[in-house]
Amino acid sequence: MCAGAEGVYAYVTGHGRLLGTTDEVRHVARLLMWMVARRKR
């Protein structure tokens, strides 16, 4: 998690890819599930 201006937080991968803000939890969760499933292939 990375902090931004005015108390905005976002989820960022170890490679620096922005996944979304903490307000977009469902979107971030879906994206993470897709990334894990893709890696398993």
N, C-alpha and C. Protein backbone atom coordinates (compact mmCIF):
# COMPACT_ATOMS: atom_id res chain seq x y z
N MET A 1 0.86 -1.17 0.00
CA MET A 1 0.00 0.00 0.00
C MET A 1 0.90 1.23 0.00
N CYS A 2 0.47 2.23 -0.70
CA CYS A 2 1.25 3.46 -0.86
C CYS A 2 0.37 4.66 -0.51
N ALA A 3 0.91 5.58 0.26
CA ALA A 3 0.16 6.78 0.65
C ALA A 3 0.38 7.89 -0.36
N GLY A 4 -0.68 8.63 -0.62
CA GLY A 4 -0.59 9.75 -1.54
C GLY A 4 -1.00 11.05 -0.86
N ALA A 5 -1.28 12.03 -1.65
CA ALA A 5 -1.68 13.34 -1.13
C ALA A 5 -3.07 13.29 -0.52
N GLU A 6 -3.30 14.10 0.48
CA GLU A 6 -4.62 14.27 1.10
C GLU A 6 -5.22 12.97 1.62
N GLY A 7 -4.40 12.07 2.16
CA GLY A 7 -4.89 10.85 2.78
C GLY A 7 -5.40 9.80 1.82
N VAL A 8 -5.03 9.88 0.56
CA VAL A 8 -5.44 8.88 -0.42
C VAL A 8 -4.43 7.74 -0.41
N TYR A 9 -4.92 6.53 -0.30
CA TYR A 9 -4.05 5.35 -0.31
C TYR A 9 -4.36 4.51 -1.53
N ALA A 10 -3.34 3.84 -2.04
CA ALA A 10 -3.52 2.99 -3.22
C ALA A 10 -2.73 1.70 -3.02
N TYR A 11 -3.16 0.66 -3.69
CA TYR A 11 -2.46 -0.62 -3.68
C TYR A 11 -1.50 -0.66 -4.86
N VAL A 12 -0.25 -0.98 -4.58
CA VAL A 12 0.78 -1.03 -5.61
C VAL A 12 1.54 -2.35 -5.47
N THR A 13 1.82 -3.00 -6.59
CA THR A 13 2.57 -4.25 -6.55
C THR A 13 4.04 -3.98 -6.27
N GLY A 14 4.80 -5.05 -6.00
CA GLY A 14 6.22 -4.92 -5.78
C GLY A 14 6.96 -4.40 -6.99
N HIS A 15 6.35 -4.56 -8.17
CA HIS A 15 6.96 -4.09 -9.41
C HIS A 15 6.54 -2.66 -9.74
N GLY A 16 5.74 -2.05 -8.86
CA GLY A 16 5.34 -0.67 -9.07
C GLY A 16 4.06 -0.49 -9.86
N ARG A 17 3.33 -1.56 -10.10
CA ARG A 17 2.08 -1.44 -10.85
C ARG A 17 0.96 -0.97 -9.93
N LEU A 18 0.31 0.10 -10.30
CA LEU A 18 -0.81 0.63 -9.53
C LEU A 18 -2.04 -0.23 -9.77
N LEU A 19 -2.60 -0.78 -8.70
CA LEU A 19 -3.78 -1.63 -8.83
C LEU A 19 -5.08 -0.85 -8.65
N GLY A 20 -5.05 0.15 -7.80
CA GLY A 20 -6.24 0.96 -7.57
C GLY A 20 -6.19 1.55 -6.17
N THR A 21 -7.13 2.44 -5.90
CA THR A 21 -7.18 3.08 -4.60
C THR A 21 -7.90 2.18 -3.60
N THR A 22 -7.82 2.54 -2.33
CA THR A 22 -8.51 1.76 -1.30
C THR A 22 -10.03 1.87 -1.45
N ASP A 23 -10.51 2.85 -2.19
CA ASP A 23 -11.94 2.97 -2.46
C ASP A 23 -12.40 1.96 -3.50
N GLU A 24 -11.47 1.35 -4.22
CA GLU A 24 -11.78 0.39 -5.29
C GLU A 24 -11.41 -1.03 -4.86
N VAL A 25 -11.77 -1.41 -3.64
CA VAL A 25 -11.34 -2.69 -3.08
C VAL A 25 -11.80 -3.87 -3.95
N ARG A 26 -13.02 -3.85 -4.42
CA ARG A 26 -13.52 -4.96 -5.25
C ARG A 26 -12.74 -5.08 -6.55
N HIS A 27 -12.46 -3.95 -7.16
CA HIS A 27 -11.68 -3.95 -8.40
C HIS A 27 -10.28 -4.49 -8.16
N VAL A 28 -9.64 -4.06 -7.07
CA VAL A 28 -8.30 -4.51 -6.73
C VAL A 28 -8.30 -6.02 -6.46
N ALA A 29 -9.30 -6.50 -5.73
CA ALA A 29 -9.39 -7.93 -5.42
C ALA A 29 -9.54 -8.75 -6.70
N ARG A 30 -10.40 -8.30 -7.62
CA ARG A 30 -10.57 -9.02 -8.90
C ARG A 30 -9.28 -9.03 -9.71
N LEU A 31 -8.60 -7.90 -9.71
CA LEU A 31 -7.35 -7.80 -10.45
C LEU A 31 -6.29 -8.73 -9.86
N LEU A 32 -6.20 -8.79 -8.54
CA LEU A 32 -5.24 -9.68 -7.90
C LEU A 32 -5.56 -11.14 -8.19
N MET A 33 -6.83 -11.51 -8.16
CA MET A 33 -7.23 -12.89 -8.48
C MET A 33 -6.86 -13.23 -9.91
N TRP A 34 -7.06 -12.30 -10.84
CA TRP A 34 -6.71 -12.53 -12.23
C TRP A 34 -5.20 -12.71 -12.37
N MET A 35 -4.41 -11.88 -11.67
CA MET A 35 -2.96 -11.97 -11.75
C MET A 35 -2.45 -13.32 -11.21
N VAL A 36 -3.04 -13.78 -10.11
CA VAL A 36 -2.64 -15.07 -9.52
C VAL A 36 -3.01 -16.22 -10.46
N ALA A 37 -4.23 -16.19 -11.01
CA ALA A 37 -4.65 -17.25 -11.93
C ALA A 37 -3.78 -17.29 -13.17
N ARG A 38 -3.39 -16.14 -13.66
CA ARG A 38 -2.54 -16.06 -14.85
C ARG A 38 -1.15 -16.63 -14.56
N ARG A 39 -0.65 -16.35 -13.38
CA ARG A 39 0.68 -16.83 -13.00
C ARG A 39 0.72 -18.36 -12.86
N LYS A 40 -0.43 -18.96 -12.45
CA LYS A 40 -0.49 -20.41 -12.27
C LYS A 40 -0.47 -21.15 -13.60
N ARG A 41 -0.82 -20.50 -14.69
CA ARG A 41 -0.87 -21.17 -16.00
C ARG A 41 0.50 -21.50 -16.50
